N, C-alpha and C. Protein backbone atom coordinates (compact mmCIF):
# COMPACT_ATOMS: atom_id res chain seq x y z
N MET A 1 0.49 -1.44 0.20
CA MET A 1 -0.17 -0.26 -0.01
C MET A 1 1.18 1.28 -0.05
N GLY A 2 0.44 2.23 -0.34
CA GLY A 2 1.10 3.75 -0.61
C GLY A 2 1.05 4.28 -1.89
N LYS A 3 1.67 5.40 -2.14
CA LYS A 3 1.73 6.30 -3.36
C LYS A 3 2.67 5.74 -4.22
N TRP A 4 2.47 5.63 -5.30
CA TRP A 4 3.15 5.34 -6.56
C TRP A 4 3.18 6.16 -8.11
N LYS A 5 4.37 6.24 -8.60
CA LYS A 5 4.61 6.90 -9.78
C LYS A 5 4.19 5.86 -10.80
N THR A 6 3.34 6.13 -11.69
CA THR A 6 3.26 5.41 -12.82
C THR A 6 3.99 5.91 -13.96
N VAL A 7 4.37 5.17 -14.93
CA VAL A 7 5.40 5.49 -16.05
C VAL A 7 5.10 4.97 -17.32
N ASP A 8 5.07 5.97 -18.32
CA ASP A 8 4.75 5.72 -19.59
C ASP A 8 5.68 4.78 -20.29
N ASP A 9 5.28 3.27 -20.59
CA ASP A 9 6.21 2.19 -21.31
C ASP A 9 6.91 2.72 -22.44
N VAL A 10 6.54 3.52 -23.16
CA VAL A 10 7.28 4.51 -24.24
C VAL A 10 8.18 5.10 -24.14
N THR A 11 7.78 6.27 -23.41
CA THR A 11 8.58 7.57 -23.40
C THR A 11 9.12 7.36 -21.95
N GLY A 12 9.02 6.48 -20.83
CA GLY A 12 9.73 6.32 -19.63
C GLY A 12 9.76 7.46 -18.78
N GLU A 13 8.28 8.48 -19.12
CA GLU A 13 8.25 9.53 -18.25
C GLU A 13 7.11 9.27 -17.37
N VAL A 14 7.41 10.24 -16.38
CA VAL A 14 6.27 9.84 -15.31
C VAL A 14 4.97 10.24 -15.54
N LYS A 15 3.60 9.63 -15.58
CA LYS A 15 2.46 9.88 -16.26
C LYS A 15 1.76 10.41 -14.75
N SER A 16 1.43 9.79 -13.78
CA SER A 16 0.71 10.07 -12.40
C SER A 16 1.31 9.67 -11.25
N ILE A 17 0.65 10.19 -10.20
CA ILE A 17 1.06 9.71 -9.04
C ILE A 17 -0.42 8.93 -8.37
N VAL A 18 -0.44 7.62 -8.14
CA VAL A 18 -1.39 7.03 -7.52
C VAL A 18 -1.26 6.77 -6.32
N GLU A 19 -2.66 6.36 -5.54
CA GLU A 19 -2.38 5.63 -4.22
C GLU A 19 -2.91 4.51 -4.21
N ILE A 20 -2.40 3.26 -3.57
CA ILE A 20 -3.05 2.05 -3.37
C ILE A 20 -3.18 1.74 -1.73
N TYR A 21 -4.38 1.76 -1.23
CA TYR A 21 -5.25 1.64 -0.20
C TYR A 21 -6.22 0.58 0.27
N LYS A 22 -6.18 0.22 1.62
CA LYS A 22 -7.09 -0.69 1.87
C LYS A 22 -8.15 0.19 2.54
N ARG A 23 -9.60 -0.71 2.50
CA ARG A 23 -10.33 -0.54 3.06
C ARG A 23 -11.03 -1.61 3.86
N ASP A 24 -11.38 -1.87 5.06
CA ASP A 24 -11.85 -3.04 5.39
C ASP A 24 -11.47 -4.32 4.80
N GLU A 25 -9.94 -4.39 4.67
CA GLU A 25 -9.09 -5.76 4.03
C GLU A 25 -9.49 -5.63 2.79
N ILE A 26 -9.95 -4.70 1.69
CA ILE A 26 -10.35 -4.11 0.42
C ILE A 26 -9.58 -3.39 -0.26
N VAL A 27 -9.10 -3.68 -1.42
CA VAL A 27 -8.00 -2.87 -2.07
C VAL A 27 -8.97 -2.27 -3.19
N PHE A 28 -7.99 -0.61 -2.99
CA PHE A 28 -8.42 0.29 -4.15
C PHE A 28 -7.42 0.57 -4.44
N GLU A 29 -7.28 1.63 -5.54
CA GLU A 29 -6.33 2.53 -6.18
C GLU A 29 -6.94 3.63 -6.97
N LYS A 30 -6.32 4.75 -6.22
CA LYS A 30 -7.00 6.10 -6.96
C LYS A 30 -5.96 6.66 -7.71
N VAL A 31 -5.90 7.55 -8.53
CA VAL A 31 -5.44 8.29 -9.61
C VAL A 31 -5.39 9.98 -8.49
N LEU A 32 -4.31 10.28 -7.81
CA LEU A 32 -4.07 11.37 -6.87
C LEU A 32 -3.58 12.89 -7.60
N GLU A 33 -2.79 12.60 -8.87
CA GLU A 33 -2.40 13.78 -9.46
C GLU A 33 -1.76 13.13 -10.92
N ILE A 34 -2.18 14.07 -11.62
CA ILE A 34 -1.59 13.80 -13.48
C ILE A 34 -0.64 14.48 -13.34
N ILE A 35 0.63 14.09 -13.96
CA ILE A 35 2.00 15.05 -13.79
C ILE A 35 2.24 15.73 -14.76
N ASN A 36 1.54 15.42 -16.06
CA ASN A 36 1.63 16.54 -17.08
C ASN A 36 0.65 17.52 -17.39
N LYS A 37 0.71 18.74 -17.22
CA LYS A 37 -0.42 19.82 -16.88
C LYS A 37 -1.41 19.75 -18.59
N GLU A 38 -0.70 19.30 -19.13
CA GLU A 38 -1.51 19.23 -20.70
C GLU A 38 -2.58 18.13 -20.40
N HIS A 39 -2.54 16.94 -19.63
CA HIS A 39 -3.32 16.30 -19.60
C HIS A 39 -4.34 16.40 -18.02
N LYS A 40 -4.07 17.11 -17.56
CA LYS A 40 -4.42 17.42 -16.28
C LYS A 40 -5.95 17.68 -16.01
N ASN A 41 -6.46 17.95 -16.84
CA ASN A 41 -8.28 17.87 -16.69
C ASN A 41 -8.83 17.26 -17.58
N GLU A 42 -8.11 16.15 -18.12
CA GLU A 42 -8.70 14.94 -19.24
C GLU A 42 -9.74 14.17 -18.28
N LEU A 43 -10.78 13.92 -19.33
CA LEU A 43 -11.87 13.16 -18.68
C LEU A 43 -11.76 11.69 -19.16
N CYS A 44 -12.13 10.44 -18.71
CA CYS A 44 -12.32 9.25 -19.03
C CYS A 44 -13.29 9.42 -20.32
N THR A 45 -13.13 9.36 -21.39
CA THR A 45 -14.47 9.19 -22.08
C THR A 45 -14.42 7.84 -22.96
N LYS A 46 -13.18 7.26 -22.53
CA LYS A 46 -13.65 5.53 -23.31
C LYS A 46 -14.14 4.60 -22.62
N PHE A 47 -14.57 5.26 -21.18
CA PHE A 47 -15.12 4.46 -20.31
C PHE A 47 -16.86 4.61 -20.44
N GLU A 48 -17.65 3.09 -19.79
CA GLU A 48 -18.75 3.27 -20.06
C GLU A 48 -19.60 3.56 -18.21
N GLY A 49 -20.70 3.79 -18.45
CA GLY A 49 -21.09 3.77 -16.62
C GLY A 49 -20.93 5.03 -16.01
N ALA A 50 -21.10 4.54 -14.83
CA ALA A 50 -20.90 6.06 -13.57
C ALA A 50 -19.32 6.91 -14.00
N ASP A 51 -18.58 6.08 -14.25
CA ASP A 51 -16.82 6.79 -14.84
C ASP A 51 -17.19 7.46 -16.13
N LYS A 52 -17.50 7.14 -17.06
CA LYS A 52 -17.72 7.88 -18.13
C LYS A 52 -17.85 9.36 -17.85
N ASN A 53 -16.79 10.17 -18.61
CA ASN A 53 -16.64 11.69 -18.52
C ASN A 53 -16.33 12.30 -16.83
N GLU A 54 -15.93 11.53 -16.47
CA GLU A 54 -15.82 11.89 -15.19
C GLU A 54 -14.00 12.20 -15.08
N ALA A 55 -13.48 12.80 -14.46
CA ALA A 55 -12.01 13.45 -14.20
C ALA A 55 -10.95 12.18 -13.79
N ILE A 56 -10.03 12.06 -14.82
CA ILE A 56 -8.88 11.18 -14.37
C ILE A 56 -8.56 11.73 -13.13
N GLU A 57 -7.92 12.64 -13.02
CA GLU A 57 -7.42 13.02 -11.84
C GLU A 57 -8.79 12.92 -10.37
N GLY A 58 -8.01 12.23 -9.51
CA GLY A 58 -9.16 11.75 -8.16
C GLY A 58 -10.02 10.53 -8.54
N LEU A 59 -9.51 9.88 -10.01
CA LEU A 59 -10.83 8.78 -9.94
C LEU A 59 -9.81 7.32 -9.31
N VAL A 60 -11.14 6.70 -8.85
CA VAL A 60 -10.84 5.42 -8.03
C VAL A 60 -10.77 4.22 -9.33
N ILE A 61 -9.23 3.75 -10.01
CA ILE A 61 -9.48 3.27 -10.86
C ILE A 61 -8.91 1.71 -10.48
N ILE A 62 -8.86 1.14 -9.44
CA ILE A 62 -9.04 -0.26 -8.59
C ILE A 62 -10.20 -0.25 -7.93
N LYS A 63 -10.97 -1.07 -7.95
CA LYS A 63 -12.08 -1.00 -6.58
C LYS A 63 -12.46 -2.67 -6.55
N ASN A 64 -12.41 -2.85 -5.20
CA ASN A 64 -13.23 -3.96 -4.36
C ASN A 64 -12.44 -5.33 -5.05
N LEU A 65 -10.97 -5.13 -4.65
CA LEU A 65 -9.98 -5.83 -4.43
C LEU A 65 -10.15 -6.97 -3.49
N GLU A 66 -10.38 -8.36 -3.24
CA GLU A 66 -10.25 -8.98 -2.07
C GLU A 66 -9.15 -10.18 -2.11
N LYS A 67 -8.33 -9.98 -0.90
CA LYS A 67 -7.56 -11.09 -0.85
C LYS A 67 -7.88 -12.51 -0.83
N ASP A 68 -7.45 -13.50 -1.39
CA ASP A 68 -8.21 -14.73 -1.34
C ASP A 68 -6.54 -16.21 -1.27
N GLY A 69 -6.23 -15.93 -0.39
CA GLY A 69 -4.71 -16.60 -0.01
C GLY A 69 -3.72 -15.53 -0.53
N ASP A 70 -3.08 -16.10 -1.48
CA ASP A 70 -2.36 -15.10 -2.21
C ASP A 70 -2.75 -14.58 -3.46
N LYS A 71 -3.85 -14.73 -3.93
CA LYS A 71 -4.33 -14.02 -5.20
C LYS A 71 -5.30 -12.93 -4.62
N TYR A 72 -5.50 -12.04 -5.72
CA TYR A 72 -6.56 -10.89 -5.38
C TYR A 72 -8.06 -11.23 -6.27
N ASN A 73 -8.81 -11.34 -6.05
CA ASN A 73 -10.18 -11.52 -6.85
C ASN A 73 -11.36 -10.42 -6.39
N ASP A 74 -12.03 -10.72 -7.24
CA ASP A 74 -13.72 -10.13 -6.97
C ASP A 74 -13.75 -8.87 -7.48
N GLY A 75 -12.66 -8.03 -7.53
CA GLY A 75 -12.69 -6.49 -7.96
C GLY A 75 -12.53 -5.92 -9.41
N THR A 76 -12.61 -4.59 -9.77
CA THR A 76 -12.46 -4.24 -11.05
C THR A 76 -11.13 -3.44 -11.38
N VAL A 77 -10.63 -4.08 -12.44
CA VAL A 77 -9.43 -2.62 -12.65
C VAL A 77 -9.87 -2.00 -13.69
N MET A 78 -9.79 -0.80 -14.18
CA MET A 78 -9.81 -0.28 -15.15
C MET A 78 -8.76 0.55 -15.92
N GLY A 79 -8.72 0.07 -17.34
CA GLY A 79 -7.66 0.47 -18.13
C GLY A 79 -7.83 1.91 -18.69
N LEU A 80 -6.95 2.55 -18.12
CA LEU A 80 -7.48 3.93 -18.69
C LEU A 80 -6.90 4.28 -20.08
N ASP A 81 -6.00 3.31 -20.56
CA ASP A 81 -5.85 4.05 -22.30
C ASP A 81 -6.32 3.35 -22.89
N ASN A 82 -7.37 2.15 -22.55
CA ASN A 82 -8.28 1.63 -23.47
C ASN A 82 -9.76 1.60 -22.95
N GLY A 83 -10.10 1.73 -21.81
CA GLY A 83 -11.67 1.98 -21.13
C GLY A 83 -11.94 0.54 -20.86
N ASN A 84 -11.26 -0.41 -21.20
CA ASN A 84 -11.62 -1.92 -20.92
C ASN A 84 -11.50 -2.02 -19.13
N LYS A 85 -12.62 -2.83 -18.83
CA LYS A 85 -12.53 -3.16 -17.09
C LYS A 85 -12.01 -4.66 -17.09
N TYR A 86 -11.16 -5.15 -16.04
CA TYR A 86 -10.48 -6.25 -16.04
C TYR A 86 -11.18 -6.72 -14.62
């Protein structure tokens, strides 16, 4: 758990600061800050549902992961690049 930098796989540039945290043993990840000022106000246009057109900065992108032994199950991970949920 803690705060982490995300890095672009192609350019190697830091894209954002995220926080991974637990609430009642359930894991979440939130985008705390977008580093590139040109992308700071971007919206989640690729997503469907409640997160569509929400600001990426401040968005919870991993929700409700539960630890089951040495694996995590039952939650969702949102792909910011493609809009997919995993």
